[in-house]
N, C-alpha and C. Protein backbone atom coordinates (compact mmCIF):
# COMPACT_ATOMS: atom_id res chain seq x y z
N MET A 1 87.50 27.32 83.72
CA MET A 1 88.22 28.58 83.86
C MET A 1 89.44 28.30 84.73
N SER A 2 90.57 28.71 84.26
CA SER A 2 91.80 28.46 85.02
C SER A 2 91.97 29.51 86.11
N LEU A 3 92.80 29.20 87.05
CA LEU A 3 93.05 30.11 88.16
C LEU A 3 93.64 31.42 87.68
N SER A 4 94.55 31.35 86.72
CA SER A 4 95.17 32.59 86.22
C SER A 4 94.16 33.48 85.52
N SER A 5 93.25 32.91 84.73
CA SER A 5 92.24 33.74 84.06
C SER A 5 91.25 34.30 85.07
N PHE A 6 90.92 33.52 86.10
CA PHE A 6 90.04 34.01 87.15
C PHE A 6 90.68 35.19 87.88
N LEU A 7 91.95 35.07 88.24
CA LEU A 7 92.66 36.15 88.92
C LEU A 7 92.77 37.38 88.02
N GLU A 8 93.03 37.13 86.75
CA GLU A 8 93.14 38.25 85.80
C GLU A 8 91.81 39.01 85.71
N LYS A 9 90.70 38.27 85.63
CA LYS A 9 89.39 38.92 85.57
C LYS A 9 89.11 39.68 86.85
N MET A 10 89.47 39.10 87.98
CA MET A 10 89.23 39.74 89.26
C MET A 10 90.03 41.03 89.37
N ILE A 11 91.30 40.98 88.99
CA ILE A 11 92.16 42.18 89.05
C ILE A 11 91.68 43.22 88.05
N THR A 12 91.37 42.77 86.84
CA THR A 12 90.88 43.69 85.81
C THR A 12 89.56 44.32 86.24
N GLY A 13 88.69 43.51 86.82
CA GLY A 13 87.40 44.01 87.29
C GLY A 13 87.58 45.06 88.37
N ARG A 14 88.50 44.83 89.29
CA ARG A 14 88.76 45.81 90.35
C ARG A 14 89.33 47.09 89.77
N ALA A 15 90.25 46.95 88.83
CA ALA A 15 90.85 48.14 88.20
C ALA A 15 89.79 48.93 87.45
N ALA A 16 88.92 48.22 86.74
CA ALA A 16 87.86 48.90 85.99
C ALA A 16 86.90 49.59 86.95
N ALA A 17 86.56 48.93 88.05
CA ALA A 17 85.67 49.54 89.03
C ALA A 17 86.31 50.77 89.65
N ARG A 18 87.60 50.69 89.96
CA ARG A 18 88.32 51.83 90.51
C ARG A 18 88.33 52.98 89.51
N ARG A 19 88.57 52.66 88.25
CA ARG A 19 88.59 53.70 87.20
C ARG A 19 87.21 54.33 87.03
N ARG A 20 86.15 53.51 87.10
CA ARG A 20 84.79 54.05 87.00
C ARG A 20 84.51 55.02 88.15
N LYS A 21 84.98 54.67 89.34
CA LYS A 21 84.79 55.57 90.49
C LYS A 21 85.55 56.88 90.27
N GLU A 22 86.76 56.78 89.72
CA GLU A 22 87.53 57.99 89.43
C GLU A 22 86.82 58.85 88.40
N ILE A 23 86.30 58.21 87.37
CA ILE A 23 85.59 58.95 86.32
C ILE A 23 84.33 59.59 86.89
N ASP A 24 83.59 58.85 87.72
CA ASP A 24 82.38 59.41 88.35
C ASP A 24 82.73 60.61 89.22
N ALA A 25 83.84 60.53 89.95
CA ALA A 25 84.27 61.66 90.79
C ALA A 25 84.64 62.86 89.93
N GLU A 26 85.34 62.61 88.81
CA GLU A 26 85.70 63.70 87.90
C GLU A 26 84.45 64.35 87.31
N ILE A 27 83.48 63.53 86.93
CA ILE A 27 82.24 64.06 86.37
C ILE A 27 81.50 64.88 87.42
N SER A 28 81.47 64.39 88.64
CA SER A 28 80.80 65.11 89.72
C SER A 28 81.47 66.47 89.96
N ASP A 29 82.80 66.48 89.99
CA ASP A 29 83.53 67.73 90.16
C ASP A 29 83.25 68.70 89.02
N GLU A 30 83.22 68.17 87.81
CA GLU A 30 82.97 69.01 86.64
C GLU A 30 81.56 69.59 86.68
N ARG A 31 80.60 68.79 87.11
CA ARG A 31 79.22 69.29 87.23
C ARG A 31 79.14 70.41 88.26
N ALA A 32 79.81 70.22 89.38
CA ALA A 32 79.82 71.26 90.42
C ALA A 32 80.45 72.53 89.88
N ASN A 33 81.53 72.39 89.13
CA ASN A 33 82.20 73.54 88.53
C ASN A 33 81.27 74.24 87.52
N LEU A 34 80.60 73.46 86.71
CA LEU A 34 79.67 74.05 85.73
C LEU A 34 78.50 74.75 86.41
N ASP A 35 77.99 74.16 87.49
CA ASP A 35 76.91 74.81 88.23
C ASP A 35 77.36 76.14 88.80
N ALA A 36 78.57 76.19 89.33
CA ALA A 36 79.10 77.44 89.89
C ALA A 36 79.26 78.48 88.78
N GLN A 37 79.77 78.05 87.63
CA GLN A 37 79.93 78.98 86.50
C GLN A 37 78.57 79.47 86.00
N LYS A 38 77.58 78.58 86.01
CA LYS A 38 76.24 78.96 85.57
C LYS A 38 75.67 80.03 86.49
N GLU A 39 75.84 79.84 87.80
CA GLU A 39 75.34 80.83 88.76
C GLU A 39 76.04 82.17 88.56
N GLU A 40 77.35 82.13 88.34
CA GLU A 40 78.11 83.36 88.13
C GLU A 40 77.66 84.06 86.85
N LEU A 41 77.45 83.29 85.80
CA LEU A 41 77.01 83.86 84.53
C LEU A 41 75.60 84.45 84.65
N THR A 42 74.73 83.76 85.37
CA THR A 42 73.37 84.26 85.59
C THR A 42 73.40 85.59 86.33
N ALA A 43 74.25 85.68 87.34
CA ALA A 43 74.38 86.93 88.10
C ALA A 43 74.92 88.05 87.21
N THR A 44 75.87 87.73 86.34
CA THR A 44 76.44 88.72 85.44
C THR A 44 75.38 89.22 84.45
N VAL A 45 74.59 88.31 83.93
CA VAL A 45 73.53 88.68 82.98
C VAL A 45 72.49 89.55 83.69
N ARG A 46 72.14 89.18 84.92
CA ARG A 46 71.17 89.97 85.69
C ARG A 46 71.71 91.39 85.92
N GLN A 47 72.98 91.48 86.27
CA GLN A 47 73.60 92.79 86.51
C GLN A 47 73.62 93.61 85.22
N HIS A 48 73.93 92.97 84.11
CA HIS A 48 73.94 93.66 82.82
C HIS A 48 72.54 94.19 82.50
N ALA A 49 71.52 93.40 82.76
CA ALA A 49 70.15 93.84 82.50
C ALA A 49 69.79 95.05 83.37
N GLN A 50 70.22 95.05 84.62
CA GLN A 50 69.94 96.18 85.50
C GLN A 50 70.65 97.44 85.00
N ILE A 51 71.89 97.30 84.57
CA ILE A 51 72.64 98.45 84.05
C ILE A 51 71.97 98.98 82.79
N THR A 52 71.55 98.09 81.91
CA THR A 52 70.88 98.50 80.68
C THR A 52 69.58 99.22 80.98
N ASN A 53 68.81 98.70 81.93
CA ASN A 53 67.56 99.37 82.31
C ASN A 53 67.82 100.74 82.90
N SER A 54 68.84 100.86 83.75
CA SER A 54 69.18 102.17 84.33
C SER A 54 69.58 103.15 83.25
N ALA A 55 70.41 102.71 82.32
CA ALA A 55 70.84 103.58 81.23
C ALA A 55 69.65 104.02 80.39
N SER A 56 68.73 103.12 80.15
CA SER A 56 67.53 103.45 79.38
C SER A 56 66.69 104.51 80.09
N ARG A 57 66.52 104.34 81.41
CA ARG A 57 65.75 105.33 82.17
C ARG A 57 66.45 106.69 82.16
N ILE A 58 67.78 106.69 82.27
CA ILE A 58 68.53 107.95 82.24
C ILE A 58 68.34 108.64 80.90
N MET A 59 68.43 107.87 79.81
CA MET A 59 68.26 108.45 78.48
C MET A 59 66.84 109.00 78.30
N GLN A 60 65.85 108.29 78.80
CA GLN A 60 64.48 108.79 78.71
C GLN A 60 64.32 110.09 79.49
N THR A 61 64.92 110.16 80.67
CA THR A 61 64.84 111.38 81.49
C THR A 61 65.53 112.54 80.78
N MET A 62 66.70 112.27 80.20
CA MET A 62 67.43 113.33 79.49
C MET A 62 66.64 113.80 78.27
N THR A 63 66.06 112.87 77.55
CA THR A 63 65.26 113.23 76.38
C THR A 63 64.06 114.08 76.79
N HIS A 64 63.41 113.66 77.85
CA HIS A 64 62.26 114.42 78.36
C HIS A 64 62.69 115.83 78.78
N ALA A 65 63.84 115.94 79.46
CA ALA A 65 64.33 117.25 79.90
C ALA A 65 64.64 118.13 78.69
N MET A 66 65.24 117.56 77.65
CA MET A 66 65.56 118.35 76.46
C MET A 66 64.29 118.82 75.77
N ILE A 67 63.29 117.96 75.73
CA ILE A 67 62.01 118.35 75.13
C ILE A 67 61.38 119.48 75.92
N MET A 68 61.43 119.38 77.23
CA MET A 68 60.87 120.43 78.09
C MET A 68 61.62 121.75 77.89
N MET A 69 62.95 121.68 77.76
CA MET A 69 63.74 122.90 77.55
C MET A 69 63.40 123.53 76.21
N GLU A 70 63.23 122.72 75.19
CA GLU A 70 62.86 123.24 73.88
C GLU A 70 61.48 123.89 73.94
N GLY A 71 60.59 123.30 74.69
CA GLY A 71 59.25 123.86 74.85
C GLY A 71 59.30 125.20 75.56
N ASP A 72 60.18 125.33 76.55
CA ASP A 72 60.32 126.60 77.28
C ASP A 72 60.87 127.68 76.36
N ARG A 73 61.78 127.33 75.46
CA ARG A 73 62.35 128.32 74.54
C ARG A 73 61.29 128.85 73.59
N GLY A 74 60.41 127.99 73.16
CA GLY A 74 59.37 128.39 72.23
C GLY A 74 58.36 129.33 72.86
N ARG A 75 58.17 129.25 74.14
CA ARG A 75 57.19 130.09 74.83
C ARG A 75 57.75 131.47 75.13
N SER A 76 59.07 131.61 75.19
CA SER A 76 59.65 132.90 75.58
C SER A 76 59.55 133.92 74.50
């Protein structure tokens, strides 16, 4: 192996290692970003479920009240 090819491999190896570290850092940042988005989306879905449940309870209460009012009319 000649000195020039040895130096070329050494420089190329260092550049590749540096690039791998950069890629690993980018992947790590992207994972952190995805985790944050996942938490935000989970919270949004949970909030949507709570709103839907509240709306359902309100509709049930209104339906029950209307049924009771109709029953009162029939008795009068």
